PDB file of N, CA and C in Angstrom:
ATOM      1  N   UNK A   1     110.026  82.675 143.848  1.00  0.00           N
ATOM      2  CA  UNK A   1     109.778  83.522 142.686  1.00  0.00           C
ATOM      3  C   UNK A   1     108.314  83.938 142.664  1.00  0.00           C
ATOM      4  N   UNK A   2     108.072  85.222 142.511  1.00  0.00           N
ATOM      5  CA  UNK A   2     106.706  85.715 142.450  1.00  0.00           C
ATOM      6  C   UNK A   2     106.220  85.723 141.005  1.00  0.00           C
ATOM      7  N   UNK A   3     105.037  85.199 140.780  1.00  0.00           N
ATOM      8  CA  UNK A   3     104.454  85.224 139.444  1.00  0.00           C
ATOM      9  C   UNK A   3     103.518  86.414 139.280  1.00  0.00           C
ATOM     10  N   UNK A   4     103.488  87.278 140.264  1.00  0.00           N
ATOM     11  CA  UNK A   4     102.676  88.485 140.180  1.00  0.00           C
ATOM     12  C   UNK A   4     103.605  89.685 140.142  1.00  0.00           C
ATOM     13  N   UNK A   5     103.517  90.443 139.043  1.00  0.00           N
ATOM     14  CA  UNK A   5     104.310  91.657 138.911  1.00  0.00           C
ATOM     15  C   UNK A   5     103.370  92.813 138.619  1.00  0.00           C
ATOM     16  N   UNK A   6     103.602  93.918 139.290  1.00  0.00           N
ATOM     17  CA  UNK A   6     102.818  95.125 139.102  1.00  0.00           C
ATOM     18  C   UNK A   6     103.755  96.184 138.542  1.00  0.00           C
ATOM     19  N   UNK A   7     103.460  96.639 137.324  1.00  0.00           N
ATOM     20  CA  UNK A   7     104.319  97.614 136.634  1.00  0.00           C
ATOM     21  C   UNK A   7     105.768  97.130 136.599  1.00  0.00           C
ATOM     22  N   UNK A   8     105.952  95.842 136.376  1.00  0.00           N
ATOM     23  CA  UNK A   8     107.281  95.264 136.271  1.00  0.00           C
ATOM     24  C   UNK A   8     107.956  94.945 137.584  1.00  0.00           C
ATOM     25  N   UNK A   9     107.307  95.263 138.712  1.00  0.00           N
ATOM     26  CA  UNK A   9     107.893  95.029 140.033  1.00  0.00           C
ATOM     27  C   UNK A   9     107.310  93.750 140.627  1.00  0.00           C
ATOM     28  N   UNK A  10     108.164  92.787 140.953  1.00  0.00           N
ATOM     29  CA  UNK A  10     107.707  91.567 141.614  1.00  0.00           C
ATOM     30  C   UNK A  10     107.295  91.921 143.036  1.00  0.00           C
ATOM     31  N   UNK A  11     106.081  91.538 143.417  1.00  0.00           N
ATOM     32  CA  UNK A  11     105.578  91.837 144.756  1.00  0.00           C
ATOM     33  C   UNK A  11     105.439  90.546 145.552  1.00  0.00           C
ATOM     34  N   UNK A  12     105.264  90.712 146.835  1.00  0.00           N
ATOM     35  CA  UNK A  12     105.060  89.581 147.739  1.00  0.00           C
ATOM     36  C   UNK A  12     103.944  88.687 147.188  1.00  0.00           C
ATOM     37  N   UNK A  13     104.120  87.378 147.327  1.00  0.00           N
ATOM     38  CA  UNK A  13     103.120  86.431 146.845  1.00  0.00           C
ATOM     39  C   UNK A  13     101.819  86.622 147.613  1.00  0.00           C
ATOM     40  N   UNK A  14     100.697  86.782 146.898  1.00  0.00           N
ATOM     41  CA  UNK A  14      99.422  86.990 147.589  1.00  0.00           C
ATOM     42  C   UNK A  14      98.965  85.747 148.336  1.00  0.00           C
ATOM     43  N   UNK A  15      98.176  85.974 149.368  1.00  0.00           N
ATOM     44  CA  UNK A  15      97.572  84.873 150.116  1.00  0.00           C
ATOM     45  C   UNK A  15      96.397  84.297 149.339  1.00  0.00           C
ATOM     46  N   UNK A  16      95.689  85.173 148.623  1.00  0.00           N
ATOM     47  CA  UNK A  16      94.534  84.757 147.835  1.00  0.00           C
ATOM     48  C   UNK A  16      94.593  85.465 146.484  1.00  0.00           C
ATOM     49  N   UNK A  17      94.316  84.697 145.423  1.00  0.00           N
ATOM     50  CA  UNK A  17      94.368  85.245 144.063  1.00  0.00           C
ATOM     51  C   UNK A  17      93.282  84.554 143.258  1.00  0.00           C
ATOM     52  N   UNK A  18      92.342  85.338 142.733  1.00  0.00           N
ATOM     53  CA  UNK A  18      91.228  84.759 141.989  1.00  0.00           C
ATOM     54  C   UNK A  18      91.040  85.526 140.690  1.00  0.00           C
ATOM     55  N   UNK A  19      90.901  84.787 139.581  1.00  0.00           N
ATOM     56  CA  UNK A  19      90.692  85.397 138.273  1.00  0.00           C
ATOM     57  C   UNK A  19      89.238  85.195 137.865  1.00  0.00           C
ATOM     58  N   UNK A  20      88.560  86.295 137.526  1.00  0.00           N
ATOM     59  CA  UNK A  20      87.208  86.221 136.968  1.00  0.00           C
ATOM     60  C   UNK A  20      87.297  86.622 135.505  1.00  0.00           C
ATOM     61  N   UNK A  21      86.671  85.825 134.645  1.00  0.00           N
ATOM     62  CA  UNK A  21      86.631  86.121 133.218  1.00  0.00           C
ATOM     63  C   UNK A  21      85.221  86.612 132.915  1.00  0.00           C
ATOM     64  N   UNK A  22      85.133  87.864 132.473  1.00  0.00           N
ATOM     65  CA  UNK A  22      83.836  88.515 132.334  1.00  0.00           C
ATOM     66  C   UNK A  22      83.540  88.871 130.885  1.00  0.00           C
ATOM     67  N   UNK A  23      82.319  88.573 130.459  1.00  0.00           N
ATOM     68  CA  UNK A  23      81.847  89.018 129.156  1.00  0.00           C
ATOM     69  C   UNK A  23      81.288  90.425 129.312  1.00  0.00           C
ATOM     70  N   UNK A  24      81.684  91.308 128.417  1.00  0.00           N
ATOM     71  CA  UNK A  24      81.151  92.665 128.404  1.00  0.00           C
ATOM     72  C   UNK A  24      80.199  92.749 127.212  1.00  0.00           C
ATOM     73  N   UNK A  25      78.927  92.992 127.507  1.00  0.00           N
ATOM     74  CA  UNK A  25      77.912  93.044 126.465  1.00  0.00           C
ATOM     75  C   UNK A  25      77.585  94.477 126.091  1.00  0.00           C
ATOM     76  N   UNK A  26      77.238  94.649 124.821  1.00  0.00           N
ATOM     77  CA  UNK A  26      76.771  95.939 124.335  1.00  0.00           C
ATOM     78  C   UNK A  26      75.252  95.952 124.394  1.00  0.00           C
ATOM     79  N   UNK A  27      74.626  95.951 123.261  1.00  0.00           N
ATOM     80  CA  UNK A  27      73.178  96.016 123.157  1.00  0.00           C
ATOM     81  C   UNK A  27      72.596  94.597 123.145  1.00  0.00           C
ATOM     82  N   UNK A  28      72.223  94.080 124.295  1.00  0.00           N
ATOM     83  CA  UNK A  28      71.700  92.717 124.421  1.00  0.00           C
ATOM     84  C   UNK A  28      70.227  92.781 124.785  1.00  0.00           C
ATOM     85  N   UNK A  29      69.434  91.934 124.127  1.00  0.00           N
ATOM     86  CA  UNK A  29      67.989  91.925 124.391  1.00  0.00           C
ATOM     87  C   UNK A  29      67.423  90.544 124.063  1.00  0.00           C
ATOM     88  N   UNK A  30      66.149  90.355 124.379  1.00  0.00           N
ATOM     89  CA  UNK A  30      65.436  89.118 124.026  1.00  0.00           C
ATOM     90  C   UNK A  30      64.387  89.438 122.966  1.00  0.00           C
ATOM     91  N   UNK A  31      64.216  88.493 122.045  1.00  0.00           N
ATOM     92  CA  UNK A  31      63.206  88.689 121.018  1.00  0.00           C
ATOM     93  C   UNK A  31      61.848  88.164 121.494  1.00  0.00           C
ATOM     94  N   UNK A  32      60.833  88.199 120.619  1.00  0.00           N
ATOM     95  CA  UNK A  32      59.468  87.789 120.977  1.00  0.00           C
ATOM     96  C   UNK A  32      59.381  86.317 121.371  1.00  0.00           C
ATOM     97  N   UNK A  33      60.309  85.490 120.909  1.00  0.00           N
ATOM     98  CA  UNK A  33      60.323  84.069 121.276  1.00  0.00           C
ATOM     99  C   UNK A  33      61.084  83.822 122.580  1.00  0.00           C
ATOM    100  N   UNK A  34      61.625  84.856 123.158  1.00  0.00           N
ATOM    101  CA  UNK A  34      62.369  84.724 124.405  1.00  0.00           C
ATOM    102  C   UNK A  34      63.834  84.374 124.212  1.00  0.00           C
ATOM    103  N   UNK A  35      64.285  84.314 122.955  1.00  0.00           N
ATOM    104  CA  UNK A  35      65.690  84.013 122.682  1.00  0.00           C
ATOM    105  C   UNK A  35      66.538  85.272 122.831  1.00  0.00           C
ATOM    106  N   UNK A  36      67.724  85.092 123.369  1.00  0.00           N
ATOM    107  CA  UNK A  36      68.598  86.231 123.598  1.00  0.00           C
ATOM    108  C   UNK A  36      69.359  86.579 122.334  1.00  0.00           C
ATOM    109  N   UNK A  37      69.369  87.846 122.019  1.00  0.00           N
ATOM    110  CA  UNK A  37      70.231  88.406 120.981  1.00  0.00           C
ATOM    111  C   UNK A  37      71.349  89.116 121.728  1.00  0.00           C
ATOM    112  N   UNK A  38      72.518  88.534 121.665  1.00  0.00           N
ATOM    113  CA  UNK A  38      73.612  89.012 122.496  1.00  0.00           C
ATOM    114  C   UNK A  38      74.673  89.695 121.658  1.00  0.00           C
ATOM    115  N   UNK A  39      75.130  90.811 122.154  1.00  0.00           N
ATOM    116  CA  UNK A  39      76.176  91.593 121.513  1.00  0.00           C
ATOM    117  C   UNK A  39      77.375  91.648 122.457  1.00  0.00           C
ATOM    118  N   UNK A  40      78.168  90.566 122.445  1.00  0.00           N
ATOM    119  CA  UNK A  40      79.365  90.558 123.297  1.00  0.00           C
ATOM    120  C   UNK A  40      80.439  91.396 122.615  1.00  0.00           C
ATOM    121  N   UNK A  41      80.876  92.450 123.296  1.00  0.00           N
ATOM    122  CA  UNK A  41      81.846  93.365 122.700  1.00  0.00           C
ATOM    123  C   UNK A  41      83.272  93.107 123.169  1.00  0.00           C
ATOM    124  N   UNK A  42      83.429  92.423 124.304  1.00  0.00           N
ATOM    125  CA  UNK A  42      84.779  92.159 124.812  1.00  0.00           C
ATOM    126  C   UNK A  42      84.731  91.095 125.899  1.00  0.00           C
ATOM    127  N   UNK A  43      85.884  90.511 126.151  1.00  0.00           N
ATOM    128  CA  UNK A  43      86.082  89.617 127.296  1.00  0.00           C
ATOM    129  C   UNK A  43      87.184  90.260 128.135  1.00  0.00           C
ATOM    130  N   UNK A  44      86.891  90.495 129.398  1.00  0.00           N
ATOM    131  CA  UNK A  44      87.833  91.172 130.285  1.00  0.00           C
ATOM    132  C   UNK A  44      88.076  90.337 131.534  1.00  0.00           C
ATOM    133  N   UNK A  45      89.175  90.633 132.215  1.00  0.00           N
ATOM    134  CA  UNK A  45      89.535  89.936 133.442  1.00  0.00           C
ATOM    135  C   UNK A  45      89.355  90.850 134.650  1.00  0.00           C
ATOM    136  N   UNK A  46      89.003  90.241 135.765  1.00  0.00           N
ATOM    137  CA  UNK A  46      89.057  90.919 137.062  1.00  0.00           C
ATOM    138  C   UNK A  46      89.869  90.014 137.976  1.00  0.00           C
ATOM    139  N   UNK A  47      90.880  90.569 138.618  1.00  0.00           N
ATOM    140  CA  UNK A  47      91.729  89.821 139.537  1.00  0.00           C
ATOM    141  C   UNK A  47      91.407  90.277 140.950  1.00  0.00           C
ATOM    142  N   UNK A  48      90.983  89.341 141.789  1.00  0.00           N
ATOM    143  CA  UNK A  48      90.719  89.644 143.194  1.00  0.00           C
ATOM    144  C   UNK A  48      91.928  89.153 143.976  1.00  0.00           C
ATOM    145  N   UNK A  49      92.644  90.084 144.578  1.00  0.00           N
ATOM    146  CA  UNK A  49      93.926  89.765 145.205  1.00  0.00           C
ATOM    147  C   UNK A  49      93.927  90.229 146.654  1.00  0.00           C
ATOM    148  N   UNK A  50      94.479  89.365 147.526  1.00  0.00           N
ATOM    149  CA  UNK A  50      94.663  89.777 148.917  1.00  0.00           C
ATOM    150  C   UNK A  50      95.939  89.159 149.470  1.00  0.00           C
ATOM    151  N   UNK A  51      96.545  89.907 150.353  1.00  0.00           N
ATOM    152  CA  UNK A  51      97.768  89.473 151.018  1.00  0.00           C
ATOM    153  C   UNK A  51      97.484  89.303 152.496  1.00  0.00           C
ATOM    154  N   UNK A  52      98.199  88.391 153.126  1.00  0.00           N
ATOM    155  CA  UNK A  52      98.100  88.206 154.566  1.00  0.00           C
ATOM    156  C   UNK A  52      98.907  89.278 155.271  1.00  0.00           C
ATOM    157  N   UNK A  53      99.328  89.025 156.497  1.00  0.00           N
ATOM    158  CA  UNK A  53     100.075  90.036 157.257  1.00  0.00           C
ATOM    159  C   UNK A  53     101.265  90.592 156.467  1.00  0.00           C
ATOM    160  N   UNK A  54     101.389  91.908 156.498  1.00  0.00           N
ATOM    161  CA  UNK A  54     102.440  92.604 155.751  1.00  0.00           C
ATOM    162  C   UNK A  54     103.122  93.631 156.651  1.00  0.00           C
ATOM    163  N   UNK A  55     104.395  93.787 156.425  1.00  0.00           N
ATOM    164  CA  UNK A  55     105.128  94.840 157.128  1.00  0.00           C
ATOM    165  C   UNK A  55     104.744  96.189 156.517  1.00  0.00           C
ATOM    166  N   UNK A  56     105.163  97.254 157.164  1.00  0.00           N
ATOM    167  CA  UNK A  56     104.907  98.594 156.634  1.00  0.00           C
ATOM    168  C   UNK A  56     105.548  98.740 155.254  1.00  0.00           C
ATOM    169  N   UNK A  57     106.779  98.239 155.104  1.00  0.00           N
ATOM    170  CA  UNK A  57     107.490  98.354 153.822  1.00  0.00           C
ATOM    171  C   UNK A  57     106.790  97.557 152.718  1.00  0.00           C
ATOM    172  N   UNK A  58     106.349  96.327 153.019  1.00  0.00           N
ATOM    173  CA  UNK A  58     105.649  95.513 152.021  1.00  0.00           C
ATOM    174  C   UNK A  58     104.335  96.169 151.597  1.00  0.00           C
ATOM    175  N   UNK A  59     103.609  96.696 152.576  1.00  0.00           N
ATOM    176  CA  UNK A  59     102.340  97.367 152.294  1.00  0.00           C
ATOM    177  C   UNK A  59     102.577  98.585 151.413  1.00  0.00           C
ATOM    178  N   UNK A  60     103.564  99.381 151.756  1.00  0.00           N
ATOM    179  CA  UNK A  60     103.878 100.579 150.991  1.00  0.00           C
ATOM    180  C   UNK A  60     104.290 100.233 149.561  1.00  0.00           C
ATOM    181  N   UNK A  61     105.117  99.211 149.385  1.00  0.00           N
ATOM    182  CA  UNK A  61     105.569  98.801 148.049  1.00  0.00           C
ATOM    183  C   UNK A  61     104.388  98.429 147.169  1.00  0.00           C
ATOM    184  N   UNK A  62     103.471  97.628 147.702  1.00  0.00           N
ATOM    185  CA  UNK A  62     102.311  97.185 146.925  1.00  0.00           C
ATOM    186  C   UNK A  62     101.398  98.367 146.593  1.00  0.00           C
ATOM    187  N   UNK A  63     101.081  99.190 147.589  1.00  0.00           N
ATOM    188  CA  UNK A  63     100.160 100.307 147.358  1.00  0.00           C
ATOM    189  C   UNK A  63     100.755 101.365 146.424  1.00  0.00           C
ATOM    190  N   UNK A  64     102.056 101.606 146.514  1.00  0.00           N
ATOM    191  CA  UNK A  64     102.679 102.546 145.586  1.00  0.00           C
ATOM    192  C   UNK A  64     102.700 101.990 144.168  1.00  0.00           C
ATOM    193  N   UNK A  65     102.851 100.676 144.029  1.00  0.00           N
ATOM    194  CA  UNK A  65     102.882 100.051 142.699  1.00  0.00           C
ATOM    195  C   UNK A  65     101.542 100.171 141.976  1.00  0.00           C
ATOM    196  N   UNK A  66     100.448 100.317 142.719  1.00  0.00           N
ATOM    197  CA  UNK A  66      99.118 100.405 142.094  1.00  0.00           C
ATOM    198  C   UNK A  66      98.565 101.829 142.099  1.00  0.00           C
ATOM    199  N   UNK A  67      99.401 102.822 142.294  1.00  0.00           N
ATOM    200  CA  UNK A  67      98.919 104.192 142.451  1.00  0.00           C
ATOM    201  C   UNK A  67      98.608 104.914 141.138  1.00  0.00           C
ATOM    202  N   UNK A  68      99.119 104.425 140.016  1.00  0.00           N
ATOM    203  CA  UNK A  68      98.812 105.069 138.733  1.00  0.00           C
ATOM    204  C   UNK A  68      97.381 104.768 138.302  1.00  0.00           C
ATOM    205  N   UNK A  69      96.878 105.538 137.358  1.00  0.00           N
ATOM    206  CA  UNK A  69      95.514 105.354 136.863  1.00  0.00           C
ATOM    207  C   UNK A  69      95.364 103.983 136.210  1.00  0.00           C
ATOM    208  N   UNK A  70      96.295 103.624 135.340  1.00  0.00           N
ATOM    209  CA  UNK A  70      96.325 102.305 134.713  1.00  0.00           C
ATOM    210  C   UNK A  70      97.694 101.704 134.941  1.00  0.00           C
ATOM    211  N   UNK A  71      97.723 100.396 135.178  1.00  0.00           N
ATOM    212  CA  UNK A  71      98.996  99.712 135.435  1.00  0.00           C
ATOM    213  C   UNK A  71      99.018  98.386 134.697  1.00  0.00           C
ATOM    214  N   UNK A  72     100.209  97.952 134.337  1.00  0.00           N
ATOM    215  CA  UNK A  72     100.384  96.632 133.728  1.00  0.00           C
ATOM    216  C   UNK A  72     100.593  95.609 134.835  1.00  0.00           C
ATOM    217  N   UNK A  73      99.867  94.499 134.742  1.00  0.00           N
ATOM    218  CA  UNK A  73      99.981  93.425 135.722  1.00  0.00           C
ATOM    219  C   UNK A  73     100.344  92.145 134.977  1.00  0.00           C
ATOM    220  N   UNK A  74     101.369  91.476 135.465  1.00  0.00           N
ATOM    221  CA  UNK A  74     101.786  90.185 134.915  1.00  0.00           C
ATOM    222  C   UNK A  74     101.347  89.123 135.906  1.00  0.00           C
ATOM    223  N   UNK A  75     100.605  88.117 135.414  1.00  0.00           N
ATOM    224  CA  UNK A  75      99.999  87.129 136.307  1.00  0.00           C
ATOM    225  C   UNK A  75      99.725  85.834 135.528  1.00  0.00           C
ATOM    226  N   UNK A  76      99.492  84.718 136.220  1.00  0.00           N
ATOM    227  CA  UNK A  76      99.120  83.474 135.530  1.00  0.00           C
ATOM    228  C   UNK A  76      97.642  83.522 135.151  1.00  0.00           C
ATOM    229  N   UNK A  77      97.355  83.362 133.853  1.00  0.00           N
ATOM    230  CA  UNK A  77      95.971  83.418 133.377  1.00  0.00           C
ATOM    231  C   UNK A  77      95.458  81.996 133.115  1.00  0.00           C
ATOM    232  N   UNK A  78      94.334  81.600 133.751  1.00  0.00           N
ATOM    233  CA  UNK A  78      93.856  80.227 133.610  1.00  0.00           C
ATOM    234  C   UNK A  78      93.327  79.893 132.214  1.00  0.00           C
ATOM    235  N   UNK A  79      92.751  80.860 131.516  1.00  0.00           N
ATOM    236  CA  UNK A  79      92.217  80.575 130.179  1.00  0.00           C
ATOM    237  C   UNK A  79      93.334  80.513 129.146  1.00  0.00           C
ATOM    238  N   UNK A  80      94.284  81.428 129.232  1.00  0.00           N
ATOM    239  CA  UNK A  80      95.399  81.428 128.290  1.00  0.00           C
ATOM    240  C   UNK A  80      96.410  80.330 128.594  1.00  0.00           C
ATOM    241  N   UNK A  81      96.438  79.855 129.842  1.00  0.00           N
ATOM    242  CA  UNK A  81      97.351  78.785 130.221  1.00  0.00           C
ATOM    243  C   UNK A  81      98.800  79.196 130.274  1.00  0.00           C
ATOM    244  N   UNK A  82      99.046  80.472 130.564  1.00  0.00           N
ATOM    245  CA  UNK A  82     100.421  80.958 130.639  1.00  0.00           C
ATOM    246  C   UNK A  82     100.452  82.263 131.431  1.00  0.00           C
ATOM    247  N   UNK A  83     101.662  82.764 131.665  1.00  0.00           N
ATOM    248  CA  UNK A  83     101.844  84.054 132.329  1.00  0.00           C
ATOM    249  C   UNK A  83     101.606  85.135 131.271  1.00  0.00           C
ATOM    250  N   UNK A  84     100.729  86.088 131.574  1.00  0.00           N
ATOM    251  CA  UNK A  84     100.388  87.155 130.631  1.00  0.00           C
ATOM    252  C   UNK A  84     100.525  88.513 131.308  1.00  0.00           C
ATOM    253  N   UNK A  85     100.559  89.552 130.497  1.00  0.00           N
ATOM    254  CA  UNK A  85     100.558  90.920 130.994  1.00  0.00           C
ATOM    255  C   UNK A  85      99.389  91.647 130.353  1.00  0.00           C
ATOM    256  N   UNK A  86      98.546  92.247 131.198  1.00  0.00           N
ATOM    257  CA  UNK A  86      97.408  93.032 130.735  1.00  0.00           C
ATOM    258  C   UNK A  86      97.387  94.352 131.506  1.00  0.00           C
ATOM    259  N   UNK A  87      96.612  95.301 130.980  1.00  0.00           N
ATOM    260  CA  UNK A  87      96.494  96.610 131.611  1.00  0.00           C
ATOM    261  C   UNK A  87      95.215  96.669 132.438  1.00  0.00           C
ATOM    262  N   UNK A  88      95.350  97.130 133.680  1.00  0.00           N
ATOM    263  CA  UNK A  88      94.242  97.164 134.633  1.00  0.00           C
ATOM    264  C   UNK A  88      94.176  98.530 135.318  1.00  0.00           C
ATOM    265  N   UNK A  89      93.044  98.771 135.955  1.00  0.00           N
ATOM    266  CA  UNK A  89      92.960  99.817 136.969  1.00  0.00           C
ATOM    267  C   UNK A  89      92.619  99.123 138.277  1.00  0.00           C
ATOM    268  N   UNK A  90      92.761  99.825 139.388  1.00  0.00           N
ATOM    269  CA  UNK A  90      92.586  99.208 140.698  1.00  0.00           C
ATOM    270  C   UNK A  90      91.373  99.816 141.392  1.00  0.00           C
ATOM    271  N   UNK A  91      90.580  98.941 142.023  1.00  0.00           N
ATOM    272  CA  UNK A  91      89.437  99.397 142.808  1.00  0.00           C
ATOM    273  C   UNK A  91      89.885  99.892 144.174  1.00  0.00           C
ATOM    274  N   UNK A  92      88.943 100.016 145.077  1.00  0.00           N
ATOM    275  CA  UNK A  92      89.260 100.470 146.437  1.00  0.00           C
ATOM    276  C   UNK A  92      90.265  99.532 147.090  1.00  0.00           C
ATOM    277  N   UNK A  93      91.217 100.114 147.790  1.00  0.00           N
ATOM    278  CA  UNK A  93      92.257  99.351 148.471  1.00  0.00           C
ATOM    279  C   UNK A  93      92.001  99.377 149.973  1.00  0.00           C
ATOM    280  N   UNK A  94      92.075  98.198 150.583  1.00  0.00           N
ATOM    281  CA  UNK A  94      91.818  98.066 152.018  1.00  0.00           C
ATOM    282  C   UNK A  94      93.052  97.488 152.700  1.00  0.00           C
ATOM    283  N   UNK A  95      93.452  98.119 153.813  1.00  0.00           N
ATOM    284  CA  UNK A  95      94.614  97.652 154.575  1.00  0.00           C
ATOM    285  C   UNK A  95      94.327  97.832 156.067  1.00  0.00           C
ATOM    286  N   UNK A  96      93.648  96.871 156.701  1.00  0.00           N
ATOM    287  CA  UNK A  96      93.379  96.992 158.139  1.00  0.00           C
ATOM    288  C   UNK A  96      94.643  96.756 158.968  1.00  0.00           C
ATOM    289  N   UNK A  97      94.735  97.460 160.100  1.00  0.00           N
ATOM    290  CA  UNK A  97      95.912  97.293 160.951  1.00  0.00           C
ATOM    291  C   UNK A  97      95.816  96.013 161.769  1.00  0.00           C
ATOM    292  N   UNK A  98      96.975  95.454 162.058  1.00  0.00           N
ATOM    293  CA  UNK A  98      97.087  94.266 162.899  1.00  0.00           C
ATOM    294  C   UNK A  98      97.684  94.643 164.249  1.00  0.00           C
ATOM    295  N   UNK A  99      98.734  95.466 164.199  1.00  0.00           N
ATOM    296  CA  UNK A  99      99.437  95.883 165.406  1.00  0.00           C
ATOM    297  C   UNK A  99      99.728  97.365 165.307  1.00  0.00           C
ATOM    298  N   UNK A 100      99.443  98.050 166.396  1.00  0.00           N
ATOM    299  CA  UNK A 100      99.594  99.506 166.410  1.00  0.00           C
ATOM    300  C   UNK A 100     100.367  99.871 167.663  1.00  0.00           C
ATOM    301  N   UNK A 101     101.675 100.082 167.529  1.00  0.00           N
ATOM    302  CA  UNK A 101     102.517 100.389 168.675  1.00  0.00           C
ATOM    303  C   UNK A 101     103.150 101.759 168.470  1.00  0.00           C
ATOM    304  N   UNK A 102     102.469 102.794 168.965  1.00  0.00           N
ATOM    305  CA  UNK A 102     102.928 104.170 168.781  1.00  0.00           C
ATOM    306  C   UNK A 102     104.250 104.411 169.508  1.00  0.00           C
ATOM    307  N   UNK A 103     104.414 103.791 170.668  1.00  0.00           N
ATOM    308  CA  UNK A 103     105.622 103.997 171.474  1.00  0.00           C
ATOM    309  C   UNK A 103     106.885 103.660 170.675  1.00  0.00           C
ATOM    310  N   UNK A 104     106.841 102.579 169.913  1.00  0.00           N
ATOM    311  CA  UNK A 104     108.005 102.153 169.147  1.00  0.00           C
ATOM    312  C   UNK A 104     107.872 102.482 167.654  1.00  0.00           C
ATOM    313  N   UNK A 105     106.827 103.229 167.293  1.00  0.00           N
ATOM    314  CA  UNK A 105     106.575 103.615 165.897  1.00  0.00           C
ATOM    315  C   UNK A 105     106.586 102.396 164.982  1.00  0.00           C
ATOM    316  N   UNK A 106     105.910 101.325 165.426  1.00  0.00           N
ATOM    317  CA  UNK A 106     105.830 100.100 164.629  1.00  0.00           C
ATOM    318  C   UNK A 106     104.365  99.823 164.299  1.00  0.00           C
ATOM    319  N   UNK A 107     104.121  99.563 163.046  1.00  0.00           N
ATOM    320  CA  UNK A 107     102.779  99.236 162.591  1.00  0.00           C
ATOM    321  C   UNK A 107     102.858  98.014 161.700  1.00  0.00           C
ATOM    322  N   UNK A 108     102.002  97.085 161.936  1.00  0.00           N
ATOM    323  CA  UNK A 108     101.893  95.905 161.076  1.00  0.00           C
ATOM    324  C   UNK A 108     100.482  95.905 160.499  1.00  0.00           C
ATOM    325  N   UNK A 109     100.352  95.353 159.337  1.00  0.00           N
ATOM    326  CA  UNK A 109      99.063  95.331 158.662  1.00  0.00           C
ATOM    327  C   UNK A 109      98.534  93.910 158.593  1.00  0.00           C
ATOM    328  N   UNK A 110      97.249  93.769 158.852  1.00  0.00           N
ATOM    329  CA  UNK A 110      96.595  92.470 158.812  1.00  0.00           C
ATOM    330  C   UNK A 110      96.598  91.918 157.392  1.00  0.00           C
ATOM    331  N   UNK A 111      96.667  92.801 156.445  1.00  0.00           N
ATOM    332  CA  UNK A 111      96.688  92.400 155.044  1.00  0.00           C
ATOM    333  C   UNK A 111      96.310  93.566 154.154  1.00  0.00           C
ATOM    334  N   UNK A 112      96.274  93.285 152.876  1.00  0.00           N
ATOM    335  CA  UNK A 112      95.852  94.257 151.871  1.00  0.00           C
ATOM    336  C   UNK A 112      94.945  93.504 150.915  1.00  0.00           C
ATOM    337  N   UNK A 113      93.911  94.182 150.438  1.00  0.00           N
ATOM    338  CA  UNK A 113      93.076  93.547 149.418  1.00  0.00           C
ATOM    339  C   UNK A 113      92.521  94.591 148.472  1.00  0.00           C
ATOM    340  N   UNK A 114      92.404  94.194 147.214  1.00  0.00           N
ATOM    341  CA  UNK A 114      91.790  95.036 146.186  1.00  0.00           C
ATOM    342  C   UNK A 114      91.579  94.206 144.935  1.00  0.00           C
ATOM    343  N   UNK A 115      90.854  94.796 144.000  1.00  0.00           N
ATOM    344  CA  UNK A 115      90.603  94.155 142.710  1.00  0.00           C
ATOM    345  C   UNK A 115      91.322  94.911 141.609  1.00  0.00           C
ATOM    346  N   UNK A 116      91.907  94.161 140.686  1.00  0.00           N
ATOM    347  CA  UNK A 116      92.394  94.712 139.428  1.00  0.00           C
ATOM    348  C   UNK A 116      91.269  94.503 138.419  1.00  0.00           C
ATOM    349  N   UNK A 117      90.879  95.535 137.697  1.00  0.00           N
ATOM    350  CA  UNK A 117      89.843  95.427 136.670  1.00  0.00           C
ATOM    351  C   UNK A 117      90.465  95.788 135.337  1.00  0.00           C
ATOM    352  N   UNK A 118      90.340  94.886 134.359  1.00  0.00           N
ATOM    353  CA  UNK A 118      91.001  95.116 133.080  1.00  0.00           C
ATOM    354  C   UNK A 118      90.436  96.341 132.368  1.00  0.00           C
ATOM    355  N   UNK A 119      91.321  97.101 131.770  1.00  0.00           N
ATOM    356  CA  UNK A 119      90.959  98.327 131.045  1.00  0.00           C
ATOM    357  C   UNK A 119      90.069  98.019 129.869  1.00  0.00           C
TER     358      UNK A 119
END
């Protein structure tokens, strides 16, 4: 069972999955005593995800699932302690080739990697 769903579609289990919890600050500065006056406006997630070797079909399924401007991702969240769904956009997607056999029209991918950044 995959605990990672992109736009409601269960995808192949990633080889690597890392959650970063980021504070988004507005107008933050230090006063004359050197103390920080912080204006935290939001807490957002960034998911760093990578898959190991993938077939052409697996690669296509994952990349098509992240093709919209914003997508819903269901994943295990370490701070919430449960499976959650949040809205993200996707950074640059990388898919290096592993095997390139033009004669038989077969291509395998070494993997796929990208970051989900919360909206």
